Amino acid sequence: MYGLYDKEGVLRFVDSDKDACIAYAELFELSSTNYCLMDLDNDTKKVKGTNLGQSLGVNNN
């Protein structure tokens, strides 16, 4: 998976195809100095044994 981030660090587009992300940038006229393309599969660290559904608390105020 690839993620295309704008210069403010906001995720703008995600796709498994790198060329699709670049096409998105071209469609919205983002120059290469205004976005960052990241390989999300290689940048994400997976933690085994973590269940976020059970570890999040609920506030009933």
C-alpha atoms as a PDB file:
ATOM      1  CA  MET A   1       0.000   0.000   0.000  1.00  0.00           C
ATOM      2  CA  TYR A   2       1.153   3.495  -0.817  1.00  0.00           C
ATOM      3  CA  GLY A   3       0.070   6.703   0.844  1.00  0.00           C
ATOM      4  CA  LEU A   4       0.274  10.134  -0.721  1.00  0.00           C
ATOM      5  CA  TYR A   5       0.680  12.909   1.847  1.00  0.00           C
ATOM      6  CA  ASP A   6       0.494  16.619   1.121  1.00  0.00           C
ATOM      7  CA  LYS A   7       3.115  19.093   2.354  1.00  0.00           C
ATOM      8  CA  GLU A   8       1.158  19.629   5.607  1.00  0.00           C
ATOM      9  CA  GLY A   9       1.360  15.891   6.358  1.00  0.00           C
ATOM     10  CA  VAL A  10      -2.300  15.138   5.590  1.00  0.00           C
ATOM     11  CA  LEU A  11      -2.961  11.770   3.975  1.00  0.00           C
ATOM     12  CA  ARG A  12      -4.629  12.551   0.656  1.00  0.00           C
ATOM     13  CA  PHE A  13      -4.788   9.180  -1.127  1.00  0.00           C
ATOM     14  CA  VAL A  14      -4.082   5.478  -0.471  1.00  0.00           C
ATOM     15  CA  ASP A  15      -3.776   2.736  -3.084  1.00  0.00           C
ATOM     16  CA  SER A  16      -1.909  -0.495  -3.643  1.00  0.00           C
ATOM     17  CA  ASP A  17      -0.630   0.858  -6.968  1.00  0.00           C
ATOM     18  CA  LYS A  18       2.166   3.438  -6.841  1.00  0.00           C
ATOM     19  CA  ASP A  19       1.246   4.751 -10.287  1.00  0.00           C
ATOM     20  CA  ALA A  20      -2.336   5.401  -9.151  1.00  0.00           C
ATOM     21  CA  CYS A  21      -1.017   7.613  -6.349  1.00  0.00           C
ATOM     22  CA  ILE A  22       1.132   9.560  -8.795  1.00  0.00           C
ATOM     23  CA  ALA A  23      -1.841   9.899 -11.155  1.00  0.00           C
ATOM     24  CA  TYR A  24      -3.864  11.332  -8.244  1.00  0.00           C
ATOM     25  CA  ALA A  25      -1.147  13.925  -7.627  1.00  0.00           C
ATOM     26  CA  GLU A  26      -1.120  14.843 -11.311  1.00  0.00           C
ATOM     27  CA  LEU A  27      -4.928  15.061 -11.423  1.00  0.00           C
ATOM     28  CA  PHE A  28      -4.932  17.618  -8.608  1.00  0.00           C
ATOM     29  CA  GLU A  29      -1.827  19.332  -9.999  1.00  0.00           C
ATOM     30  CA  LEU A  30       0.359  18.585  -6.983  1.00  0.00           C
ATOM     31  CA  SER A  31       3.988  19.104  -7.909  1.00  0.00           C
ATOM     32  CA  SER A  32       6.555  16.647  -6.584  1.00  0.00           C
ATOM     33  CA  THR A  33       7.688  19.257  -4.040  1.00  0.00           C
ATOM     34  CA  ASN A  34       4.165  19.414  -2.577  1.00  0.00           C
ATOM     35  CA  TYR A  35       3.623  15.743  -1.734  1.00  0.00           C
ATOM     36  CA  CYS A  36       5.355  12.717  -0.276  1.00  0.00           C
ATOM     37  CA  LEU A  37       4.722   9.170  -1.470  1.00  0.00           C
ATOM     38  CA  MET A  38       5.291   6.531   1.208  1.00  0.00           C
ATOM     39  CA  ASP A  39       5.291   2.738   1.074  1.00  0.00           C
ATOM     40  CA  LEU A  40       2.947   2.049   3.992  1.00  0.00           C
ATOM     41  CA  ASP A  41       3.588  -1.709   4.103  1.00  0.00           C
ATOM     42  CA  ASN A  42       7.279  -1.186   4.823  1.00  0.00           C
ATOM     43  CA  ASP A  43       6.830   1.766   7.191  1.00  0.00           C
ATOM     44  CA  THR A  44       4.221   0.184   9.434  1.00  0.00           C
ATOM     45  CA  LYS A  45       5.353  -1.840  12.434  1.00  0.00           C
ATOM     46  CA  LYS A  46       2.925  -4.584  13.340  1.00  0.00           C
ATOM     47  CA  VAL A  47       2.405  -5.353  17.009  1.00  0.00           C
ATOM     48  CA  LYS A  48       1.253  -8.871  17.838  1.00  0.00           C
ATOM     49  CA  GLY A  49      -1.200  -9.438  20.648  1.00  0.00           C
ATOM     50  CA  THR A  50      -2.725  -5.952  20.626  1.00  0.00           C
ATOM     51  CA  ASN A  51      -6.488  -5.717  20.500  1.00  0.00           C
ATOM     52  CA  LEU A  52      -7.413  -2.044  20.312  1.00  0.00           C
ATOM     53  CA  GLY A  53     -11.102  -2.823  20.780  1.00  0.00           C
ATOM     54  CA  GLN A  54     -10.457  -4.072  24.315  1.00  0.00           C
ATOM     55  CA  SER A  55      -7.844  -1.506  25.280  1.00  0.00           C
ATOM     56  CA  LEU A  56      -9.864   1.621  24.500  1.00  0.00           C
ATOM     57  CA  GLY A  57     -11.824   3.088  27.371  1.00  0.00           C
ATOM     58  CA  VAL A  58     -15.316   4.524  27.045  1.00  0.00           C
ATOM     59  CA  ASN A  59     -16.267   7.865  28.524  1.00  0.00           C
ATOM     60  CA  ASN A  60     -19.958   8.070  29.470  1.00  0.00           C
ATOM     61  CA  ASN A  61     -19.979  11.679  30.705  1.00  0.00           C
END
